PDB file of N, CA and C in Angstrom:
ATOM      1  N   MET A   1     -27.078 116.439-237.304  1.00  0.00           N
ATOM      2  CA  MET A   1     -27.375 115.614-236.175  1.00  0.00           C
ATOM      3  C   MET A   1     -26.624 114.264-236.169  1.00  0.00           C
ATOM      4  N   LYS A   2     -25.930 113.961-237.244  1.00  0.00           N
ATOM      5  CA  LYS A   2     -25.262 112.667-237.314  1.00  0.00           C
ATOM      6  C   LYS A   2     -24.165 112.593-236.248  1.00  0.00           C
ATOM      7  N   ASN A   3     -23.479 113.668-235.906  1.00  0.00           N
ATOM      8  CA  ASN A   3     -22.447 113.638-234.857  1.00  0.00           C
ATOM      9  C   ASN A   3     -23.069 113.262-233.531  1.00  0.00           C
ATOM     10  N   ILE A   4     -24.261 113.722-233.266  1.00  0.00           N
ATOM     11  CA  ILE A   4     -24.945 113.384-231.993  1.00  0.00           C
ATOM     12  C   ILE A   4     -25.234 111.898-231.946  1.00  0.00           C
ATOM     13  N   ASP A   5     -25.668 111.299-233.056  1.00  0.00           N
ATOM     14  CA  ASP A   5     -25.893 109.855-233.087  1.00  0.00           C
ATOM     15  C   ASP A   5     -24.639 109.090-232.780  1.00  0.00           C
ATOM     16  N   LYS A   6     -23.513 109.563-233.293  1.00  0.00           N
ATOM     17  CA  LYS A   6     -22.245 108.895-233.003  1.00  0.00           C
ATOM     18  C   LYS A   6     -21.861 109.017-231.516  1.00  0.00           C
ATOM     19  N   ILE A   7     -22.113 110.154-230.943  1.00  0.00           N
ATOM     20  CA  ILE A   7     -21.824 110.356-229.558  1.00  0.00           C
ATOM     21  C   ILE A   7     -22.689 109.466-228.665  1.00  0.00           C
ATOM     22  N   ASN A   8     -23.907 109.320-229.035  1.00  0.00           N
ATOM     23  CA  ASN A   8     -24.864 108.474-228.253  1.00  0.00           C
ATOM     24  C   ASN A   8     -24.347 106.986-228.257  1.00  0.00           C
ATOM     25  N   ASN A   9     -23.637 106.563-229.267  1.00  0.00           N
ATOM     26  CA  ASN A   9     -23.256 105.170-229.354  1.00  0.00           C
ATOM     27  C   ASN A   9     -21.834 104.902-228.911  1.00  0.00           C
ATOM     28  N   ILE A  10     -21.138 105.909-228.401  1.00  0.00           N
ATOM     29  CA  ILE A  10     -19.742 105.713-228.018  1.00  0.00           C
ATOM     30  C   ILE A  10     -19.638 105.024-226.644  1.00  0.00           C
ATOM     31  N   THR A  11     -18.637 104.179-226.479  1.00  0.00           N
ATOM     32  CA  THR A  11     -18.458 103.450-225.221  1.00  0.00           C
ATOM     33  C   THR A  11     -17.470 104.258-224.346  1.00  0.00           C
ATOM     34  N   ILE A  12     -17.484 103.969-223.083  1.00  0.00           N
ATOM     35  CA  ILE A  12     -16.494 104.611-222.166  1.00  0.00           C
ATOM     36  C   ILE A  12     -15.069 104.336-222.599  1.00  0.00           C
ATOM     37  N   ASP A  13     -14.799 103.096-223.025  1.00  0.00           N
ATOM     38  CA  ASP A  13     -13.441 102.797-223.491  1.00  0.00           C
ATOM     39  C   ASP A  13     -13.053 103.612-224.705  1.00  0.00           C
ATOM     40  N   ASP A  14     -13.993 103.773-225.643  1.00  0.00           N
ATOM     41  CA  ASP A  14     -13.762 104.615-226.815  1.00  0.00           C
ATOM     42  C   ASP A  14     -13.416 106.043-226.389  1.00  0.00           C
ATOM     43  N   LEU A  15     -14.256 106.576-225.499  1.00  0.00           N
ATOM     44  CA  LEU A  15     -14.055 107.950-224.998  1.00  0.00           C
ATOM     45  C   LEU A  15     -12.701 108.084-224.336  1.00  0.00           C
ATOM     46  N   ASN A  16     -12.328 107.125-223.504  1.00  0.00           N
ATOM     47  CA  ASN A  16     -11.010 107.165-222.873  1.00  0.00           C
ATOM     48  C   ASN A  16      -9.899 107.172-223.904  1.00  0.00           C
ATOM     49  N   GLN A  17     -10.024 106.367-224.929  1.00  0.00           N
ATOM     50  CA  GLN A  17      -9.002 106.264-225.973  1.00  0.00           C
ATOM     51  C   GLN A  17      -8.898 107.622-226.743  1.00  0.00           C
ATOM     52  N   ILE A  18     -10.017 108.211-227.064  1.00  0.00           N
ATOM     53  CA  ILE A  18     -10.025 109.503-227.750  1.00  0.00           C
ATOM     54  C   ILE A  18      -9.334 110.578-226.896  1.00  0.00           C
ATOM     55  N   ILE A  19      -9.669 110.607-225.605  1.00  0.00           N
ATOM     56  CA  ILE A  19      -9.062 111.584-224.698  1.00  0.00           C
ATOM     57  C   ILE A  19      -7.580 111.380-224.641  1.00  0.00           C
ATOM     58  N   GLU A  20      -7.158 110.127-224.461  1.00  0.00           N
ATOM     59  CA  GLU A  20      -5.679 109.845-224.369  1.00  0.00           C
ATOM     60  C   GLU A  20      -4.968 110.284-225.643  1.00  0.00           C
ATOM     61  N   GLU A  21      -5.564 109.962-226.796  1.00  0.00           N
ATOM     62  CA  GLU A  21      -4.951 110.356-228.061  1.00  0.00           C
ATOM     63  C   GLU A  21      -4.827 111.866-228.187  1.00  0.00           C
ATOM     64  N   LYS A  22      -5.851 112.592-227.783  1.00  0.00           N
ATOM     65  CA  LYS A  22      -5.814 114.063-227.824  1.00  0.00           C
ATOM     66  C   LYS A  22      -4.752 114.643-226.890  1.00  0.00           C
ATOM     67  N   VAL A  23      -4.655 114.104-225.716  1.00  0.00           N
ATOM     68  CA  VAL A  23      -3.661 114.574-224.750  1.00  0.00           C
ATOM     69  C   VAL A  23      -2.269 114.392-225.303  1.00  0.00           C
ATOM     70  N   VAL A  24      -1.976 113.199-225.835  1.00  0.00           N
ATOM     71  CA  VAL A  24      -0.660 112.937-226.425  1.00  0.00           C
ATOM     72  C   VAL A  24      -0.420 113.871-227.618  1.00  0.00           C
ATOM     73  N   GLU A  25      -1.492 114.141-228.430  1.00  0.00           N
ATOM     74  CA  GLU A  25      -1.339 114.991-229.591  1.00  0.00           C
ATOM     75  C   GLU A  25      -1.015 116.426-229.103  1.00  0.00           C
ATOM     76  N   LEU A  26      -1.643 116.887-228.064  1.00  0.00           N
ATOM     77  CA  LEU A  26      -1.428 118.267-227.579  1.00  0.00           C
ATOM     78  C   LEU A  26      -0.137 118.414-226.835  1.00  0.00           C
ATOM     79  N   LEU A  27       0.197 117.471-225.963  1.00  0.00           N
ATOM     80  CA  LEU A  27       1.364 117.576-225.113  1.00  0.00           C
ATOM     81  C   LEU A  27       2.618 116.906-225.643  1.00  0.00           C
ATOM     82  N   GLY A  28       2.420 115.982-226.636  1.00  0.00           N
ATOM     83  CA  GLY A  28       3.563 115.228-227.136  1.00  0.00           C
ATOM     84  C   GLY A  28       3.791 113.977-226.275  1.00  0.00           C
ATOM     85  N   ASP A  29       4.629 113.114-226.789  1.00  0.00           N
ATOM     86  CA  ASP A  29       4.976 111.853-226.107  1.00  0.00           C
ATOM     87  C   ASP A  29       6.161 112.161-225.204  1.00  0.00           C
ATOM     88  N   PRO A  30       5.998 111.996-223.887  1.00  0.00           N
ATOM     89  CA  PRO A  30       7.144 112.269-222.994  1.00  0.00           C
ATOM     90  C   PRO A  30       8.272 111.311-223.147  1.00  0.00           C
ATOM     91  N   ASP A  31       8.066 110.168-223.793  1.00  0.00           N
ATOM     92  CA  ASP A  31       9.142 109.194-224.019  1.00  0.00           C
ATOM     93  C   ASP A  31       9.809 109.365-225.348  1.00  0.00           C
ATOM     94  N   SER A  32       9.336 110.291-226.143  1.00  0.00           N
ATOM     95  CA  SER A  32       9.908 110.481-227.474  1.00  0.00           C
ATOM     96  C   SER A  32      11.438 110.818-227.370  1.00  0.00           C
ATOM     97  N   GLY A  33      12.200 110.128-228.155  1.00  0.00           N
ATOM     98  CA  GLY A  33      13.651 110.408-228.167  1.00  0.00           C
ATOM     99  C   GLY A  33      14.451 109.647-227.160  1.00  0.00           C
ATOM    100  N   LEU A  34      13.787 108.882-226.258  1.00  0.00           N
ATOM    101  CA  LEU A  34      14.508 108.094-225.275  1.00  0.00           C
ATOM    102  C   LEU A  34      15.090 106.823-225.948  1.00  0.00           C
ATOM    103  N   HIS A  35      16.188 106.345-225.474  1.00  0.00           N
ATOM    104  CA  HIS A  35      16.853 105.164-225.950  1.00  0.00           C
ATOM    105  C   HIS A  35      16.171 103.917-225.443  1.00  0.00           C
ATOM    106  N   LEU A  36      15.914 102.951-226.352  1.00  0.00           N
ATOM    107  CA  LEU A  36      15.430 101.637-225.956  1.00  0.00           C
ATOM    108  C   LEU A  36      16.552 100.615-226.130  1.00  0.00           C
ATOM    109  N   ASP A  37      16.871  99.897-225.064  1.00  0.00           N
ATOM    110  CA  ASP A  37      17.923  98.897-225.271  1.00  0.00           C
ATOM    111  C   ASP A  37      17.404  97.689-226.026  1.00  0.00           C
ATOM    112  N   GLU A  38      18.336  96.924-226.579  1.00  0.00           N
ATOM    113  CA  GLU A  38      17.965  95.861-227.500  1.00  0.00           C
ATOM    114  C   GLU A  38      17.125  94.790-226.827  1.00  0.00           C
ATOM    115  N   GLU A  39      17.396  94.483-225.592  1.00  0.00           N
ATOM    116  CA  GLU A  39      16.592  93.445-224.837  1.00  0.00           C
ATOM    117  C   GLU A  39      15.118  93.895-224.771  1.00  0.00           C
ATOM    118  N   PHE A  40      14.881  95.174-224.474  1.00  0.00           N
ATOM    119  CA  PHE A  40      13.508  95.693-224.441  1.00  0.00           C
ATOM    120  C   PHE A  40      12.808  95.554-225.797  1.00  0.00           C
ATOM    121  N   LYS A  41      13.542  95.931-226.868  1.00  0.00           N
ATOM    122  CA  LYS A  41      13.007  95.836-228.191  1.00  0.00           C
ATOM    123  C   LYS A  41      12.565  94.435-228.545  1.00  0.00           C
ATOM    124  N   VAL A  42      13.450  93.457-228.215  1.00  0.00           N
ATOM    125  CA  VAL A  42      13.147  92.065-228.543  1.00  0.00           C
ATOM    126  C   VAL A  42      11.881  91.653-227.752  1.00  0.00           C
ATOM    127  N   GLU A  43      11.783  91.980-226.505  1.00  0.00           N
ATOM    128  CA  GLU A  43      10.630  91.616-225.691  1.00  0.00           C
ATOM    129  C   GLU A  43       9.357  92.298-226.230  1.00  0.00           C
ATOM    130  N   LEU A  44       9.452  93.517-226.609  1.00  0.00           N
ATOM    131  CA  LEU A  44       8.274  94.230-227.192  1.00  0.00           C
ATOM    132  C   LEU A  44       7.811  93.608-228.469  1.00  0.00           C
ATOM    133  N   GLU A  45       8.740  93.229-229.357  1.00  0.00           N
ATOM    134  CA  GLU A  45       8.398  92.581-230.591  1.00  0.00           C
ATOM    135  C   GLU A  45       7.693  91.229-230.313  1.00  0.00           C
ATOM    136  N   ARG A  46       8.218  90.491-229.327  1.00  0.00           N
ATOM    137  CA  ARG A  46       7.613  89.219-228.945  1.00  0.00           C
ATOM    138  C   ARG A  46       6.155  89.425-228.504  1.00  0.00           C
ATOM    139  N   ARG A  47       5.983  90.399-227.646  1.00  0.00           N
ATOM    140  CA  ARG A  47       4.606  90.642-227.117  1.00  0.00           C
ATOM    141  C   ARG A  47       3.657  91.120-228.192  1.00  0.00           C
ATOM    142  N   LEU A  48       4.131  91.923-229.123  1.00  0.00           N
ATOM    143  CA  LEU A  48       3.291  92.405-230.201  1.00  0.00           C
ATOM    144  C   LEU A  48       2.875  91.288-231.157  1.00  0.00           C
ATOM    145  N   LYS A  49       3.758  90.297-231.326  1.00  0.00           N
ATOM    146  CA  LYS A  49       3.404  89.143-232.165  1.00  0.00           C
ATOM    147  C   LYS A  49       2.366  88.236-231.473  1.00  0.00           C
ATOM    148  N   ASN A  50       2.382  88.244-230.159  1.00  0.00           N
ATOM    149  CA  ASN A  50       1.440  87.405-229.377  1.00  0.00           C
ATOM    150  C   ASN A  50       0.640  88.246-228.386  1.00  0.00           C
ATOM    151  N   PRO A  51      -0.222  89.086-228.907  1.00  0.00           N
ATOM    152  CA  PRO A  51      -0.971  90.004-228.018  1.00  0.00           C
ATOM    153  C   PRO A  51      -1.848  89.246-226.995  1.00  0.00           C
ATOM    154  N   SER A  52      -1.876  89.742-225.804  1.00  0.00           N
ATOM    155  CA  SER A  52      -2.678  89.115-224.731  1.00  0.00           C
ATOM    156  C   SER A  52      -4.038  89.797-224.733  1.00  0.00           C
ATOM    157  N   LYS A  53      -4.966  89.144-224.048  1.00  0.00           N
ATOM    158  CA  LYS A  53      -6.271  89.702-223.923  1.00  0.00           C
ATOM    159  C   LYS A  53      -6.263  90.902-222.952  1.00  0.00           C
ATOM    160  N   LYS A  54      -6.928  91.982-223.364  1.00  0.00           N
ATOM    161  CA  LYS A  54      -6.964  93.171-222.534  1.00  0.00           C
ATOM    162  C   LYS A  54      -8.030  92.988-221.455  1.00  0.00           C
ATOM    163  N   ILE A  55      -7.716  93.534-220.258  1.00  0.00           N
ATOM    164  CA  ILE A  55      -8.699  93.486-219.178  1.00  0.00           C
ATOM    165  C   ILE A  55      -8.849  94.937-218.680  1.00  0.00           C
ATOM    166  N   SER A  56      -9.999  95.193-218.063  1.00  0.00           N
ATOM    167  CA  SER A  56     -10.288  96.531-217.580  1.00  0.00           C
ATOM    168  C   SER A  56      -9.459  96.751-216.315  1.00  0.00           C
ATOM    169  N   HIS A  57      -9.374  98.020-215.922  1.00  0.00           N
ATOM    170  CA  HIS A  57      -8.713  98.446-214.674  1.00  0.00           C
ATOM    171  C   HIS A  57      -9.376  97.770-213.515  1.00  0.00           C
ATOM    172  N   ALA A  58     -10.731  97.731-213.507  1.00  0.00           N
ATOM    173  CA  ALA A  58     -11.467  97.128-212.409  1.00  0.00           C
ATOM    174  C   ALA A  58     -11.119  95.624-212.311  1.00  0.00           C
ATOM    175  N   GLU A  59     -11.010  94.951-213.449  1.00  0.00           N
ATOM    176  CA  GLU A  59     -10.678  93.519-213.427  1.00  0.00           C
ATOM    177  C   GLU A  59      -9.273  93.323-212.943  1.00  0.00           C
ATOM    178  N   ALA A  60      -8.364  94.152-213.333  1.00  0.00           N
ATOM    179  CA  ALA A  60      -6.970  94.043-212.835  1.00  0.00           C
ATOM    180  C   ALA A  60      -6.930  94.230-211.325  1.00  0.00           C
ATOM    181  N   LEU A  61      -7.696  95.156-210.809  1.00  0.00           N
ATOM    182  CA  LEU A  61      -7.734  95.336-209.371  1.00  0.00           C
ATOM    183  C   LEU A  61      -8.270  94.110-208.643  1.00  0.00           C
ATOM    184  N   LYS A  62      -9.346  93.527-209.228  1.00  0.00           N
ATOM    185  CA  LYS A  62      -9.895  92.308-208.644  1.00  0.00           C
ATOM    186  C   LYS A  62      -8.861  91.177-208.600  1.00  0.00           C
ATOM    187  N   ARG A  63      -8.107  91.053-209.677  1.00  0.00           N
ATOM    188  CA  ARG A  63      -7.172  89.908-209.796  1.00  0.00           C
ATOM    189  C   ARG A  63      -5.892  90.152-208.977  1.00  0.00           C
ATOM    190  N   PHE A  64      -5.391  91.347-208.957  1.00  0.00           N
ATOM    191  CA  PHE A  64      -4.058  91.615-208.439  1.00  0.00           C
ATOM    192  C   PHE A  64      -3.974  92.475-207.176  1.00  0.00           C
ATOM    193  N   ALA A  65      -5.038  93.057-206.788  1.00  0.00           N
ATOM    194  CA  ALA A  65      -4.990  93.970-205.622  1.00  0.00           C
ATOM    195  C   ALA A  65      -5.243  93.238-204.307  1.00  0.00           C
TER     196      ALA A  65
END
């Protein structure tokens, strides 16, 4: 019954993450093998060093829609 206890405590965000990971695991990464230009790599590294606060889809719609 320990698995049921874990399921009872899971958040919607956790569930979404698990589903996304499983889909990628089953179908593969559609971007795998694509070339990244140097400018994109530099920008990605910059953003990873300074991560921004995550907001929900609903919050993004409120702010930007």
